[in-house]
């Protein structure tokens, strides 16, 4: 109510959510190897304790700050909320499609993710010795290199 400052629920479209605990998500920004701003969604573990360093899983793509997705962009391969529920910090990175599927793009993306790790480590959020990467697919030209 505007006069009293009290809130009143008019309609609960998802009453089942009362039984769930969601990880806190915030948009973070860091720089790529060219000094360009990169953004991503950082999912904090449920029960997050400031100063504790958490393991990190990086999802290499799919961040959209304008959407609320429990499972990510696709239900088959995104697990940020599930991982956060198990005490793991998750960075869902934004994608850069410049020079996509070239060796230069791979080098740039690797450097960008390394910069993200340095950024989160400097903020004392992660244990940099416990970092995993989750990419849904390799570019076709890289598959032939393996």
N, C-alpha and C. Protein backbone atom coordinates (compact mmCIF):
# COMPACT_ATOMS: atom_id res chain seq x y z
N UNK A 1 0.85 -1.16 0.00
CA UNK A 1 0.00 0.00 0.00
C UNK A 1 0.90 1.24 0.00
N UNK A 2 0.69 2.17 -0.92
CA UNK A 2 1.55 3.34 -1.01
C UNK A 2 1.56 4.20 0.25
N UNK A 3 0.43 4.37 0.89
CA UNK A 3 0.37 5.24 2.06
C UNK A 3 1.11 4.64 3.26
N UNK A 4 1.06 3.32 3.43
CA UNK A 4 1.68 2.69 4.59
C UNK A 4 3.03 2.05 4.29
N UNK A 5 3.33 1.85 3.00
CA UNK A 5 4.58 1.19 2.63
C UNK A 5 4.51 -0.33 2.75
N UNK A 6 3.35 -0.86 3.08
CA UNK A 6 3.19 -2.31 3.20
C UNK A 6 2.91 -2.92 1.83
N UNK A 7 3.36 -4.14 1.66
CA UNK A 7 3.11 -4.86 0.42
C UNK A 7 1.99 -5.85 0.63
N UNK A 8 1.23 -6.06 -0.42
CA UNK A 8 0.12 -7.01 -0.36
C UNK A 8 0.15 -7.84 -1.64
N UNK A 9 0.12 -9.16 -1.49
CA UNK A 9 0.10 -10.06 -2.62
C UNK A 9 -1.31 -10.14 -3.16
N UNK A 10 -1.46 -9.81 -4.44
CA UNK A 10 -2.77 -9.87 -5.07
C UNK A 10 -3.04 -11.22 -5.71
N UNK A 11 -2.02 -11.80 -6.33
CA UNK A 11 -2.18 -13.08 -7.01
C UNK A 11 -0.83 -13.77 -7.06
N UNK A 12 -0.78 -15.02 -6.63
CA UNK A 12 0.45 -15.81 -6.66
C UNK A 12 0.34 -16.80 -7.80
N UNK A 13 1.01 -16.50 -8.92
CA UNK A 13 0.93 -17.35 -10.11
C UNK A 13 1.74 -18.63 -9.99
N UNK A 14 2.69 -18.66 -9.05
CA UNK A 14 3.54 -19.83 -8.86
C UNK A 14 3.63 -20.19 -7.38
N UNK A 15 2.56 -20.64 -6.78
CA UNK A 15 2.59 -20.93 -5.34
C UNK A 15 3.59 -22.03 -4.98
N UNK A 16 3.91 -22.91 -5.92
CA UNK A 16 4.87 -23.98 -5.66
C UNK A 16 6.27 -23.45 -5.41
N UNK A 17 6.56 -22.22 -5.85
CA UNK A 17 7.88 -21.65 -5.64
C UNK A 17 8.18 -21.38 -4.17
N UNK A 18 7.16 -21.34 -3.32
CA UNK A 18 7.37 -21.14 -1.88
C UNK A 18 8.23 -22.26 -1.31
N UNK A 19 8.18 -23.41 -1.94
CA UNK A 19 8.94 -24.58 -1.48
C UNK A 19 10.37 -24.60 -2.01
N UNK A 20 10.69 -23.69 -2.91
CA UNK A 20 12.01 -23.67 -3.54
C UNK A 20 12.85 -22.53 -3.00
N UNK A 21 14.16 -22.74 -3.02
CA UNK A 21 15.08 -21.67 -2.68
C UNK A 21 15.97 -21.44 -3.91
N UNK A 22 15.93 -20.24 -4.43
CA UNK A 22 16.71 -19.92 -5.62
C UNK A 22 18.02 -19.24 -5.25
N UNK A 23 19.04 -19.51 -6.04
CA UNK A 23 20.32 -18.84 -5.86
C UNK A 23 20.18 -17.37 -6.22
N UNK A 24 20.94 -16.55 -5.53
CA UNK A 24 21.00 -15.13 -5.89
C UNK A 24 21.82 -15.01 -7.17
N UNK A 25 21.35 -14.21 -8.09
CA UNK A 25 22.04 -14.02 -9.37
C UNK A 25 22.29 -12.53 -9.55
N UNK A 26 23.50 -12.20 -9.95
CA UNK A 26 23.79 -10.80 -10.27
C UNK A 26 24.61 -10.72 -11.54
N UNK A 27 24.42 -9.65 -12.26
CA UNK A 27 25.22 -9.45 -13.47
C UNK A 27 26.57 -8.90 -13.06
N UNK A 28 27.63 -9.50 -13.61
CA UNK A 28 28.99 -9.05 -13.35
C UNK A 28 29.63 -8.64 -14.67
N UNK A 29 30.64 -7.78 -14.57
CA UNK A 29 31.35 -7.27 -15.75
C UNK A 29 32.84 -7.42 -15.54
N UNK A 30 33.54 -7.83 -16.57
CA UNK A 30 34.99 -7.89 -16.56
C UNK A 30 35.45 -7.55 -17.97
N UNK A 31 36.75 -7.52 -18.20
CA UNK A 31 37.31 -7.12 -19.49
C UNK A 31 37.84 -8.34 -20.24
N UNK A 32 37.70 -8.31 -21.57
CA UNK A 32 38.31 -9.35 -22.38
C UNK A 32 39.75 -8.95 -22.70
N UNK A 33 40.43 -9.73 -23.51
CA UNK A 33 41.85 -9.46 -23.80
C UNK A 33 42.05 -8.17 -24.58
N UNK A 34 40.99 -7.67 -25.23
CA UNK A 34 41.08 -6.41 -25.97
C UNK A 34 40.63 -5.21 -25.15
N UNK A 35 40.29 -5.44 -23.88
CA UNK A 35 39.82 -4.36 -23.02
C UNK A 35 38.34 -4.05 -23.16
N UNK A 36 37.61 -4.90 -23.90
CA UNK A 36 36.18 -4.70 -24.07
C UNK A 36 35.43 -5.26 -22.87
N UNK A 37 34.31 -4.63 -22.55
CA UNK A 37 33.49 -5.08 -21.44
C UNK A 37 32.80 -6.40 -21.80
N UNK A 38 32.85 -7.35 -20.87
CA UNK A 38 32.16 -8.63 -21.01
C UNK A 38 31.22 -8.75 -19.82
N UNK A 39 30.07 -9.34 -20.04
CA UNK A 39 29.12 -9.49 -18.94
C UNK A 39 28.69 -10.93 -18.82
N UNK A 40 28.23 -11.25 -17.64
CA UNK A 40 27.75 -12.59 -17.39
C UNK A 40 26.90 -12.59 -16.14
N UNK A 41 26.25 -13.70 -15.90
CA UNK A 41 25.44 -13.87 -14.70
C UNK A 41 26.18 -14.72 -13.70
N UNK A 42 26.33 -14.22 -12.48
CA UNK A 42 27.00 -14.96 -11.43
C UNK A 42 25.95 -15.49 -10.47
N UNK A 43 25.86 -16.81 -10.37
CA UNK A 43 24.92 -17.49 -9.48
C UNK A 43 25.67 -17.82 -8.20
N UNK A 44 25.22 -17.24 -7.09
CA UNK A 44 25.85 -17.50 -5.79
C UNK A 44 25.29 -18.79 -5.20
N UNK A 45 26.13 -19.57 -4.54
CA UNK A 45 25.61 -20.78 -3.90
C UNK A 45 24.54 -20.43 -2.87
N UNK A 46 23.56 -21.29 -2.75
CA UNK A 46 22.55 -21.09 -1.71
C UNK A 46 23.25 -21.21 -0.37
N UNK A 47 22.97 -20.28 0.52
CA UNK A 47 23.66 -20.23 1.81
C UNK A 47 25.03 -19.58 1.71
N UNK A 48 25.24 -18.77 0.69
CA UNK A 48 26.52 -18.10 0.45
C UNK A 48 27.04 -17.43 1.71
N UNK A 49 28.33 -17.64 1.99
CA UNK A 49 29.00 -17.04 3.13
C UNK A 49 30.09 -16.10 2.60
N UNK A 50 29.98 -14.78 2.84
CA UNK A 50 31.02 -13.86 2.36
C UNK A 50 32.40 -14.27 2.89
N UNK A 51 33.39 -14.19 2.02
CA UNK A 51 34.76 -14.53 2.40
C UNK A 51 35.13 -15.98 2.14
N UNK A 52 34.14 -16.84 2.01
CA UNK A 52 34.41 -18.24 1.68
C UNK A 52 34.63 -18.34 0.17
N UNK A 53 35.64 -19.09 -0.22
CA UNK A 53 35.91 -19.28 -1.65
C UNK A 53 35.26 -20.57 -2.12
N UNK A 54 34.50 -20.46 -3.19
CA UNK A 54 33.69 -21.56 -3.69
C UNK A 54 34.26 -22.13 -4.98
N UNK A 55 33.97 -23.42 -5.25
CA UNK A 55 34.30 -23.94 -6.58
C UNK A 55 33.45 -23.20 -7.61
N UNK A 56 33.95 -23.15 -8.83
CA UNK A 56 33.28 -22.41 -9.90
C UNK A 56 33.09 -23.30 -11.11
N UNK A 57 31.89 -23.23 -11.68
CA UNK A 57 31.63 -23.82 -12.99
C UNK A 57 31.30 -22.66 -13.93
N UNK A 58 31.97 -22.63 -15.06
CA UNK A 58 31.71 -21.59 -16.07
C UNK A 58 30.88 -22.22 -17.18
N UNK A 59 29.72 -21.64 -17.43
CA UNK A 59 28.92 -21.99 -18.61
C UNK A 59 29.28 -20.96 -19.65
N UNK A 60 29.79 -21.39 -20.78
CA UNK A 60 30.44 -20.48 -21.72
C UNK A 60 29.50 -19.57 -22.49
N UNK A 61 28.20 -19.77 -22.35
CA UNK A 61 27.28 -18.93 -23.11
C UNK A 61 25.89 -18.99 -22.50
N UNK A 62 25.02 -18.16 -23.03
CA UNK A 62 23.62 -18.23 -22.63
C UNK A 62 23.15 -17.17 -21.65
N UNK A 63 24.02 -16.24 -21.26
CA UNK A 63 23.58 -15.22 -20.31
C UNK A 63 22.66 -14.21 -20.99
N UNK A 64 21.55 -13.93 -20.35
CA UNK A 64 20.61 -12.91 -20.81
C UNK A 64 20.03 -12.25 -19.56
N UNK A 65 20.42 -11.03 -19.30
CA UNK A 65 20.00 -10.33 -18.08
C UNK A 65 18.53 -9.94 -18.10
N UNK A 66 17.88 -10.08 -19.24
CA UNK A 66 16.48 -9.70 -19.35
C UNK A 66 15.51 -10.88 -19.20
N UNK A 67 16.05 -12.04 -18.89
CA UNK A 67 15.22 -13.25 -18.77
C UNK A 67 15.44 -13.91 -17.41
N UNK A 68 14.40 -14.54 -16.89
CA UNK A 68 14.52 -15.40 -15.72
C UNK A 68 14.31 -16.82 -16.19
N UNK A 69 15.39 -17.60 -16.17
CA UNK A 69 15.33 -18.99 -16.57
C UNK A 69 15.86 -19.83 -15.43
N UNK A 70 15.05 -20.70 -14.90
CA UNK A 70 15.53 -21.58 -13.85
C UNK A 70 16.58 -22.52 -14.41
N UNK A 71 16.34 -23.05 -15.59
CA UNK A 71 17.24 -24.02 -16.19
C UNK A 71 18.18 -23.42 -17.24
N UNK A 72 18.11 -22.13 -17.49
CA UNK A 72 18.91 -21.54 -18.55
C UNK A 72 18.12 -21.47 -19.84
N UNK A 73 18.82 -21.15 -20.91
CA UNK A 73 18.15 -20.96 -22.20
C UNK A 73 17.50 -22.25 -22.71
N UNK A 74 18.08 -23.39 -22.36
CA UNK A 74 17.54 -24.68 -22.78
C UNK A 74 17.54 -25.61 -21.57
N UNK A 75 16.51 -26.41 -21.43
CA UNK A 75 16.42 -27.28 -20.26
C UNK A 75 17.36 -28.47 -20.32
N UNK A 76 17.98 -28.71 -21.46
CA UNK A 76 18.82 -29.89 -21.62
C UNK A 76 20.25 -29.71 -21.14
N UNK A 77 20.74 -28.50 -20.98
CA UNK A 77 22.16 -28.38 -20.69
C UNK A 77 22.56 -27.29 -19.72
N UNK A 78 21.63 -26.63 -19.12
CA UNK A 78 21.97 -25.56 -18.20
C UNK A 78 21.58 -25.99 -16.79
N UNK A 79 22.45 -25.79 -15.85
CA UNK A 79 22.18 -26.28 -14.50
C UNK A 79 22.66 -25.31 -13.44
N UNK A 80 22.62 -24.02 -13.71
CA UNK A 80 23.17 -23.05 -12.76
C UNK A 80 22.48 -23.12 -11.40
N UNK A 81 21.15 -23.15 -11.38
CA UNK A 81 20.45 -23.20 -10.10
C UNK A 81 20.73 -24.51 -9.36
N UNK A 82 20.75 -25.61 -10.08
CA UNK A 82 21.03 -26.91 -9.46
C UNK A 82 22.43 -26.96 -8.87
N UNK A 83 23.41 -26.42 -9.60
CA UNK A 83 24.78 -26.39 -9.09
C UNK A 83 24.90 -25.46 -7.88
N UNK A 84 24.25 -24.30 -7.94
CA UNK A 84 24.29 -23.37 -6.81
C UNK A 84 23.66 -24.01 -5.57
N UNK A 85 22.66 -24.84 -5.77
CA UNK A 85 22.03 -25.53 -4.64
C UNK A 85 22.98 -26.53 -3.99
N UNK A 86 24.03 -26.94 -4.72
CA UNK A 86 25.02 -27.88 -4.19
C UNK A 86 26.30 -27.18 -3.73
N UNK A 87 26.25 -25.85 -3.57
CA UNK A 87 27.40 -25.12 -3.04
C UNK A 87 28.44 -24.72 -4.06
N UNK A 88 28.04 -24.64 -5.32
CA UNK A 88 28.97 -24.29 -6.39
C UNK A 88 28.55 -22.95 -6.98
N UNK A 89 29.53 -22.07 -7.16
CA UNK A 89 29.28 -20.79 -7.82
C UNK A 89 29.29 -21.05 -9.33
N UNK A 90 28.42 -20.37 -10.05
CA UNK A 90 28.31 -20.58 -11.50
C UNK A 90 28.38 -19.22 -12.20
N UNK A 91 29.23 -19.15 -13.20
CA UNK A 91 29.29 -17.97 -14.06
C UNK A 91 28.74 -18.37 -15.41
N UNK A 92 27.64 -17.73 -15.80
CA UNK A 92 27.06 -17.96 -17.11
C UNK A 92 27.48 -16.78 -17.97
N UNK A 93 28.43 -17.01 -18.86
CA UNK A 93 29.05 -15.94 -19.63
C UNK A 93 28.21 -15.53 -20.83
N UNK A 94 28.44 -14.32 -21.28
CA UNK A 94 27.85 -13.84 -22.52
C UNK A 94 28.75 -14.27 -23.66
N UNK A 95 28.22 -14.31 -24.85
CA UNK A 95 28.98 -14.76 -26.00
C UNK A 95 29.46 -13.58 -26.85
N UNK A 96 30.59 -13.78 -27.50
CA UNK A 96 31.10 -12.83 -28.46
C UNK A 96 31.20 -13.57 -29.78
N UNK A 97 30.43 -13.14 -30.77
CA UNK A 97 30.38 -13.85 -32.04
C UNK A 97 31.37 -13.31 -33.08
N UNK A 98 32.23 -12.37 -32.68
CA UNK A 98 33.20 -11.83 -33.61
C UNK A 98 34.15 -12.93 -34.07
N UNK A 99 34.35 -13.03 -35.36
CA UNK A 99 35.25 -14.03 -35.96
C UNK A 99 34.92 -15.44 -35.48
N UNK A 100 33.64 -15.73 -35.30
CA UNK A 100 33.22 -17.03 -34.78
C UNK A 100 33.79 -18.17 -35.62
N UNK A 101 34.15 -19.27 -34.97
CA UNK A 101 34.69 -20.47 -35.59
C UNK A 101 36.05 -20.25 -36.26
N UNK A 102 36.84 -19.38 -35.65
CA UNK A 102 38.22 -19.20 -36.11
C UNK A 102 39.14 -19.43 -34.92
N UNK A 103 40.41 -19.68 -35.22
CA UNK A 103 41.37 -19.86 -34.14
C UNK A 103 41.48 -18.58 -33.30
N UNK A 104 41.39 -17.42 -33.95
CA UNK A 104 41.45 -16.15 -33.21
C UNK A 104 40.31 -16.03 -32.21
N UNK A 105 39.12 -16.50 -32.59
CA UNK A 105 37.99 -16.42 -31.67
C UNK A 105 38.18 -17.35 -30.48
N UNK A 106 38.78 -18.51 -30.71
CA UNK A 106 39.05 -19.44 -29.61
C UNK A 106 40.04 -18.82 -28.63
N UNK A 107 41.12 -18.25 -29.15
CA UNK A 107 42.12 -17.60 -28.29
C UNK A 107 41.48 -16.47 -27.48
N UNK A 108 40.63 -15.68 -28.12
CA UNK A 108 39.98 -14.56 -27.45
C UNK A 108 39.05 -15.06 -26.34
N UNK A 109 38.25 -16.10 -26.65
CA UNK A 109 37.32 -16.62 -25.65
C UNK A 109 38.05 -17.23 -24.46
N UNK A 110 39.15 -17.94 -24.71
CA UNK A 110 39.94 -18.51 -23.62
C UNK A 110 40.48 -17.39 -22.74
N UNK A 111 41.03 -16.34 -23.35
CA UNK A 111 41.55 -15.21 -22.58
C UNK A 111 40.44 -14.53 -21.79
N UNK A 112 39.27 -14.41 -22.39
CA UNK A 112 38.13 -13.78 -21.71
C UNK A 112 37.74 -14.58 -20.47
N UNK A 113 37.69 -15.90 -20.59
CA UNK A 113 37.33 -16.74 -19.45
C UNK A 113 38.43 -16.73 -18.39
N UNK A 114 39.69 -16.68 -18.81
CA UNK A 114 40.78 -16.55 -17.84
C UNK A 114 40.67 -15.23 -17.08
N UNK A 115 40.30 -14.17 -17.78
CA UNK A 115 40.10 -12.87 -17.12
C UNK A 115 38.94 -12.92 -16.14
N UNK A 116 37.89 -13.67 -16.47
CA UNK A 116 36.76 -13.82 -15.56
C UNK A 116 37.21 -14.52 -14.27
N UNK A 117 38.02 -15.56 -14.42
CA UNK A 117 38.53 -16.28 -13.25
C UNK A 117 39.37 -15.34 -12.39
N UNK A 118 40.24 -14.55 -13.02
CA UNK A 118 41.05 -13.59 -12.26
C UNK A 118 40.17 -12.57 -11.54
N UNK A 119 39.15 -12.09 -12.20
CA UNK A 119 38.23 -11.12 -11.62
C UNK A 119 37.54 -11.69 -10.38
N UNK A 120 36.99 -12.89 -10.50
CA UNK A 120 36.28 -13.51 -9.37
C UNK A 120 37.24 -13.90 -8.25
N UNK A 121 38.44 -14.30 -8.60
CA UNK A 121 39.46 -14.63 -7.59
C UNK A 121 39.87 -13.37 -6.82
N UNK A 122 40.05 -12.27 -7.53
CA UNK A 122 40.43 -11.01 -6.88
C UNK A 122 39.35 -10.51 -5.92
N UNK A 123 38.09 -10.89 -6.18
CA UNK A 123 36.99 -10.52 -5.29
C UNK A 123 36.81 -11.53 -4.16
N UNK A 124 37.73 -12.51 -4.07
CA UNK A 124 37.72 -13.56 -3.04
C UNK A 124 36.42 -14.37 -3.04
N UNK A 125 35.88 -14.63 -4.24
CA UNK A 125 34.65 -15.40 -4.37
C UNK A 125 34.88 -16.87 -4.68
N UNK A 126 35.96 -17.16 -5.38
CA UNK A 126 36.16 -18.53 -5.88
C UNK A 126 37.50 -19.11 -5.43
N UNK A 127 37.56 -20.42 -5.47
CA UNK A 127 38.81 -21.15 -5.29
C UNK A 127 39.32 -21.45 -6.69
N UNK A 128 40.31 -20.71 -7.13
CA UNK A 128 40.77 -20.83 -8.52
C UNK A 128 41.37 -22.19 -8.84
N UNK A 129 41.60 -23.02 -7.83
CA UNK A 129 42.07 -24.38 -8.05
C UNK A 129 40.93 -25.37 -8.27
N UNK A 130 39.70 -24.87 -8.18
CA UNK A 130 38.52 -25.73 -8.36
C UNK A 130 37.56 -25.06 -9.36
N UNK A 131 38.01 -24.96 -10.60
CA UNK A 131 37.24 -24.31 -11.67
C UNK A 131 36.97 -25.33 -12.77
N UNK A 132 35.73 -25.39 -13.19
CA UNK A 132 35.34 -26.27 -14.29
C UNK A 132 34.68 -25.48 -15.39
N UNK A 133 34.72 -26.02 -16.58
CA UNK A 133 34.15 -25.36 -17.75
C UNK A 133 33.09 -26.26 -18.34
N UNK A 134 31.95 -25.67 -18.67
CA UNK A 134 30.86 -26.42 -19.27
C UNK A 134 30.47 -25.74 -20.57
N UNK A 135 30.91 -26.31 -21.68
CA UNK A 135 30.55 -25.79 -23.01
C UNK A 135 29.66 -26.82 -23.68
N UNK A 136 28.57 -26.38 -24.26
CA UNK A 136 27.63 -27.34 -24.83
C UNK A 136 28.12 -27.97 -26.12
N UNK A 137 28.94 -27.25 -26.86
CA UNK A 137 29.41 -27.81 -28.13
C UNK A 137 30.68 -27.10 -28.54
N UNK A 138 31.55 -27.84 -29.18
CA UNK A 138 32.77 -27.24 -29.73
C UNK A 138 32.50 -26.78 -31.15
N UNK A 139 33.12 -25.67 -31.56
CA UNK A 139 33.00 -25.30 -32.97
C UNK A 139 33.47 -26.46 -33.84
N UNK A 140 32.86 -26.61 -34.98
CA UNK A 140 33.14 -27.74 -35.87
C UNK A 140 34.62 -27.86 -36.19
N UNK A 141 35.29 -26.73 -36.46
CA UNK A 141 36.68 -26.82 -36.84
C UNK A 141 37.57 -27.31 -35.70
N UNK A 142 37.14 -27.08 -34.43
CA UNK A 142 37.93 -27.55 -33.29
C UNK A 142 37.77 -29.04 -33.10
N UNK A 143 36.59 -29.58 -33.41
CA UNK A 143 36.34 -31.01 -33.24
C UNK A 143 37.35 -31.83 -34.05
N UNK A 144 37.72 -31.32 -35.21
CA UNK A 144 38.66 -32.04 -36.04
C UNK A 144 40.08 -31.98 -35.49
N UNK A 145 40.34 -31.05 -34.57
CA UNK A 145 41.66 -30.90 -33.98
C UNK A 145 41.89 -31.88 -32.84
N UNK A 146 40.79 -32.46 -32.31
CA UNK A 146 40.91 -33.34 -31.15
C UNK A 146 41.29 -34.75 -31.53
